[in-house]
Amino acid sequence: MRGPYPGELRVRVIRFVEGGASRREAAEQYDVSVSSAIRWVQCFREDGTAEPTPRGGSTSPLEEHAEQILALIGEQPDLTLREMVSALHKRRVLGSRSALSRFFARHGITVKKKPASRRAGASRRGSGAPTLDPRARVA
């Protein structure tokens, strides 16, 4: 999807219409759609501006609780996302794992993916351990 038309083009279309031309004539003159020319002139007459409206930009509700979330990581850095969501819910901070993951990505923070578990000791192969190839001869 393309971005919005530049403000300069909008101003030229609006001036052309304000100069006495129809919106359809302005659209044809400047090679834009008729609906765009109609909307631009309408918005200009309503609020006096020809600039495009900002796109996107919603903020996460978790940003309001950023200090609490970052403090929780400082206190317990070994928590998984699921454990952090649970701890935040206890603190009455609502959010999902995916929202918390996006919050961490925006703040450049990485988290553990799996809960802590006991690891088995390293298994060392003794001299009597079988080989992978059953036809191999032991010397």
C-alpha atoms as a PDB file:
ATOM      1  CA  MET A   1       0.000   0.000   0.000  1.00  0.00           C
ATOM      2  CA  ARG A   2       1.293   3.442  -0.928  1.00  0.00           C
ATOM      3  CA  GLY A   3       1.683   6.262   1.524  1.00  0.00           C
ATOM      4  CA  PRO A   4      -0.449   9.401   1.415  1.00  0.00           C
ATOM      5  CA  TYR A   5      -0.056  11.941  -1.362  1.00  0.00           C
ATOM      6  CA  PRO A   6       2.308  14.779  -0.485  1.00  0.00           C
ATOM      7  CA  GLY A   7       0.783  17.888   1.067  1.00  0.00           C
ATOM      8  CA  GLU A   8       1.986  20.036  -1.850  1.00  0.00           C
ATOM      9  CA  LEU A   9      -0.138  18.074  -4.332  1.00  0.00           C
ATOM     10  CA  ARG A  10      -3.153  18.397  -2.075  1.00  0.00           C
ATOM     11  CA  VAL A  11      -2.655  22.158  -1.848  1.00  0.00           C
ATOM     12  CA  ARG A  12      -2.465  22.468  -5.666  1.00  0.00           C
ATOM     13  CA  VAL A  13      -5.694  20.478  -6.089  1.00  0.00           C
ATOM     14  CA  ILE A  14      -7.448  22.592  -3.444  1.00  0.00           C
ATOM     15  CA  ARG A  15      -6.254  25.864  -5.004  1.00  0.00           C
ATOM     16  CA  PHE A  16      -7.417  24.672  -8.418  1.00  0.00           C
ATOM     17  CA  VAL A  17     -10.890  23.956  -7.012  1.00  0.00           C
ATOM     18  CA  GLU A  18     -10.968  27.222  -5.043  1.00  0.00           C
ATOM     19  CA  GLY A  19     -10.071  28.998  -8.279  1.00  0.00           C
ATOM     20  CA  GLY A  20     -13.376  27.903  -9.812  1.00  0.00           C
ATOM     21  CA  ALA A  21     -12.745  24.443 -11.263  1.00  0.00           C
ATOM     22  CA  SER A  22     -14.766  21.398 -10.315  1.00  0.00           C
ATOM     23  CA  ARG A  23     -13.305  18.638  -8.184  1.00  0.00           C
ATOM     24  CA  ARG A  24     -13.472  16.259 -11.131  1.00  0.00           C
ATOM     25  CA  GLU A  25     -11.534  18.699 -13.309  1.00  0.00           C
ATOM     26  CA  ALA A  26      -8.903  19.108 -10.585  1.00  0.00           C
ATOM     27  CA  ALA A  27      -8.591  15.323 -10.245  1.00  0.00           C
ATOM     28  CA  GLU A  28      -8.082  14.962 -13.985  1.00  0.00           C
ATOM     29  CA  GLN A  29      -5.645  17.903 -14.144  1.00  0.00           C
ATOM     30  CA  TYR A  30      -3.394  16.512 -11.372  1.00  0.00           C
ATOM     31  CA  ASP A  31      -3.888  12.813 -12.139  1.00  0.00           C
ATOM     32  CA  VAL A  32      -5.459  11.807  -8.819  1.00  0.00           C
ATOM     33  CA  SER A  33      -8.687   9.994  -8.121  1.00  0.00           C
ATOM     34  CA  VAL A  34     -11.914  11.976  -8.001  1.00  0.00           C
ATOM     35  CA  SER A  35     -12.679  10.650  -4.534  1.00  0.00           C
ATOM     36  CA  SER A  36      -9.319  11.924  -3.258  1.00  0.00           C
ATOM     37  CA  ALA A  37      -9.920  15.390  -4.681  1.00  0.00           C
ATOM     38  CA  ILE A  38     -13.393  15.461  -3.121  1.00  0.00           C
ATOM     39  CA  ARG A  39     -12.068  14.378   0.302  1.00  0.00           C
ATOM     40  CA  TRP A  40      -9.172  16.842   0.242  1.00  0.00           C
ATOM     41  CA  VAL A  41     -11.393  19.797  -0.546  1.00  0.00           C
ATOM     42  CA  GLN A  42     -13.961  18.684   2.015  1.00  0.00           C
ATOM     43  CA  CYS A  43     -11.321  18.323   4.764  1.00  0.00           C
ATOM     44  CA  PHE A  44      -9.814  21.688   3.822  1.00  0.00           C
ATOM     45  CA  ARG A  45     -13.192  23.396   4.126  1.00  0.00           C
ATOM     46  CA  GLU A  46     -13.905  21.692   7.475  1.00  0.00           C
ATOM     47  CA  ASP A  47     -10.627  22.219   9.317  1.00  0.00           C
ATOM     48  CA  GLY A  48      -8.518  24.427   7.047  1.00  0.00           C
ATOM     49  CA  THR A  49      -5.627  22.021   6.613  1.00  0.00           C
ATOM     50  CA  ALA A  50      -4.410  20.094   3.595  1.00  0.00           C
ATOM     51  CA  GLU A  51      -1.939  17.839   5.421  1.00  0.00           C
ATOM     52  CA  PRO A  52      -2.582  14.089   5.569  1.00  0.00           C
ATOM     53  CA  THR A  53      -3.669  12.685   8.897  1.00  0.00           C
ATOM     54  CA  PRO A  54      -1.063  10.686  10.818  1.00  0.00           C
ATOM     55  CA  ARG A  55      -1.113   6.940  10.186  1.00  0.00           C
ATOM     56  CA  GLY A  56      -0.827   4.228  12.824  1.00  0.00           C
ATOM     57  CA  GLY A  57       0.764   5.108  16.108  1.00  0.00           C
ATOM     58  CA  SER A  58      -1.375   3.433  18.727  1.00  0.00           C
ATOM     59  CA  THR A  59       0.426   2.814  22.006  1.00  0.00           C
ATOM     60  CA  SER A  60       0.305  -0.308  24.092  1.00  0.00           C
ATOM     61  CA  PRO A  61      -1.532  -0.133  27.426  1.00  0.00           C
ATOM     62  CA  LEU A  62       1.537  -1.842  28.917  1.00  0.00           C
ATOM     63  CA  GLU A  63       3.561   1.346  28.349  1.00  0.00           C
ATOM     64  CA  GLU A  64       1.642   2.911  31.265  1.00  0.00           C
ATOM     65  CA  HIS A  65       3.091   0.172  33.510  1.00  0.00           C
ATOM     66  CA  ALA A  66       6.605   0.172  32.036  1.00  0.00           C
ATOM     67  CA  GLU A  67       8.252   0.977  35.378  1.00  0.00           C
ATOM     68  CA  GLN A  68       6.520  -1.945  37.120  1.00  0.00           C
ATOM     69  CA  ILE A  69       7.382  -4.351  34.310  1.00  0.00           C
ATOM     70  CA  LEU A  70      11.022  -3.290  34.196  1.00  0.00           C
ATOM     71  CA  ALA A  71      11.215  -3.481  38.009  1.00  0.00           C
ATOM     72  CA  LEU A  72       9.862  -7.043  37.884  1.00  0.00           C
ATOM     73  CA  ILE A  73      12.597  -8.009  35.418  1.00  0.00           C
ATOM     74  CA  GLY A  74      15.180  -6.394  37.671  1.00  0.00           C
ATOM     75  CA  GLU A  75      13.918  -8.381  40.673  1.00  0.00           C
ATOM     76  CA  GLN A  76      13.485 -11.713  38.890  1.00  0.00           C
ATOM     77  CA  PRO A  77      15.409 -11.842  35.597  1.00  0.00           C
ATOM     78  CA  ASP A  78      14.951 -15.616  35.167  1.00  0.00           C
ATOM     79  CA  LEU A  79      11.187 -15.555  34.615  1.00  0.00           C
ATOM     80  CA  THR A  80       9.658 -16.817  31.393  1.00  0.00           C
ATOM     81  CA  LEU A  81       7.002 -14.794  29.570  1.00  0.00           C
ATOM     82  CA  ARG A  82       4.235 -16.930  31.030  1.00  0.00           C
ATOM     83  CA  GLU A  83       5.584 -16.467  34.555  1.00  0.00           C
ATOM     84  CA  MET A  84       5.924 -12.708  34.006  1.00  0.00           C
ATOM     85  CA  VAL A  85       2.324 -12.427  32.813  1.00  0.00           C
ATOM     86  CA  SER A  86       1.202 -14.313  35.903  1.00  0.00           C
ATOM     87  CA  ALA A  87       3.277 -12.070  38.203  1.00  0.00           C
ATOM     88  CA  LEU A  88       1.945  -8.947  36.486  1.00  0.00           C
ATOM     89  CA  HIS A  89      -1.645 -10.136  36.842  1.00  0.00           C
ATOM     90  CA  LYS A  90      -1.025 -10.480  40.592  1.00  0.00           C
ATOM     91  CA  ARG A  91       0.058  -6.827  40.532  1.00  0.00           C
ATOM     92  CA  ARG A  92      -3.144  -5.965  38.624  1.00  0.00           C
ATOM     93  CA  VAL A  93      -1.318  -5.219  35.377  1.00  0.00           C
ATOM     94  CA  LEU A  94      -3.311  -6.865  32.615  1.00  0.00           C
ATOM     95  CA  GLY A  95      -1.648  -8.115  29.463  1.00  0.00           C
ATOM     96  CA  SER A  96      -1.035 -11.189  27.359  1.00  0.00           C
ATOM     97  CA  ARG A  97       2.145 -13.058  26.488  1.00  0.00           C
ATOM     98  CA  SER A  98       2.141 -11.611  22.981  1.00  0.00           C
ATOM     99  CA  ALA A  99       1.636  -8.036  24.241  1.00  0.00           C
ATOM    100  CA  LEU A 100       4.433  -8.504  26.760  1.00  0.00           C
ATOM    101  CA  SER A 101       6.673  -9.978  24.063  1.00  0.00           C
ATOM    102  CA  ARG A 102       6.085  -6.931  21.830  1.00  0.00           C
ATOM    103  CA  PHE A 103       6.749  -4.642  24.835  1.00  0.00           C
ATOM    104  CA  PHE A 104      10.118  -6.342  25.387  1.00  0.00           C
ATOM    105  CA  ALA A 105      10.966  -6.136  21.681  1.00  0.00           C
ATOM    106  CA  ARG A 106      10.289  -2.376  21.689  1.00  0.00           C
ATOM    107  CA  HIS A 107      12.515  -1.952  24.752  1.00  0.00           C
ATOM    108  CA  GLY A 108      15.288  -4.246  23.436  1.00  0.00           C
ATOM    109  CA  ILE A 109      14.888  -6.835  26.204  1.00  0.00           C
ATOM    110  CA  THR A 110      15.289 -10.570  25.691  1.00  0.00           C
ATOM    111  CA  VAL A 111      13.662 -13.182  27.913  1.00  0.00           C
ATOM    112  CA  LYS A 112      13.970 -16.884  28.630  1.00  0.00           C
ATOM    113  CA  LYS A 113      11.815 -19.154  26.524  1.00  0.00           C
ATOM    114  CA  LYS A 114      11.697 -22.215  28.754  1.00  0.00           C
ATOM    115  CA  PRO A 115      11.293 -22.591  32.501  1.00  0.00           C
ATOM    116  CA  ALA A 116      14.307 -23.557  34.576  1.00  0.00           C
ATOM    117  CA  SER A 117      14.821 -27.289  34.809  1.00  0.00           C
ATOM    118  CA  ARG A 118      17.348 -29.618  36.326  1.00  0.00           C
ATOM    119  CA  ARG A 119      19.820 -30.761  33.777  1.00  0.00           C
ATOM    120  CA  ALA A 120      21.138 -34.268  33.765  1.00  0.00           C
ATOM    121  CA  GLY A 121      24.843 -34.632  34.329  1.00  0.00           C
ATOM    122  CA  ALA A 122      27.025 -35.015  31.297  1.00  0.00           C
ATOM    123  CA  SER A 123      27.120 -38.601  30.190  1.00  0.00           C
ATOM    124  CA  ARG A 124      30.655 -39.665  29.488  1.00  0.00           C
ATOM    125  CA  ARG A 125      31.358 -42.625  27.369  1.00  0.00           C
ATOM    126  CA  GLY A 126      33.438 -45.162  29.162  1.00  0.00           C
ATOM    127  CA  SER A 127      35.658 -47.704  27.499  1.00  0.00           C
ATOM    128  CA  GLY A 128      32.865 -50.302  27.586  1.00  0.00           C
ATOM    129  CA  ALA A 129      30.187 -48.078  26.038  1.00  0.00           C
ATOM    130  CA  PRO A 130      28.682 -49.487  22.844  1.00  0.00           C
ATOM    131  CA  THR A 131      29.440 -47.795  19.559  1.00  0.00           C
ATOM    132  CA  LEU A 132      26.839 -46.614  17.091  1.00  0.00           C
ATOM    133  CA  ASP A 133      27.822 -49.206  14.520  1.00  0.00           C
ATOM    134  CA  PRO A 134      27.024 -52.692  15.866  1.00  0.00           C
ATOM    135  CA  ARG A 135      29.488 -54.265  13.383  1.00  0.00           C
ATOM    136  CA  ALA A 136      32.439 -52.313  14.741  1.00  0.00           C
ATOM    137  CA  ARG A 137      34.999 -54.386  16.626  1.00  0.00           C
ATOM    138  CA  VAL A 138      36.226 -53.397  20.014  1.00  0.00           C
ATOM    139  CA  ALA A 139      39.999 -53.674  20.242  1.00  0.00           C
END
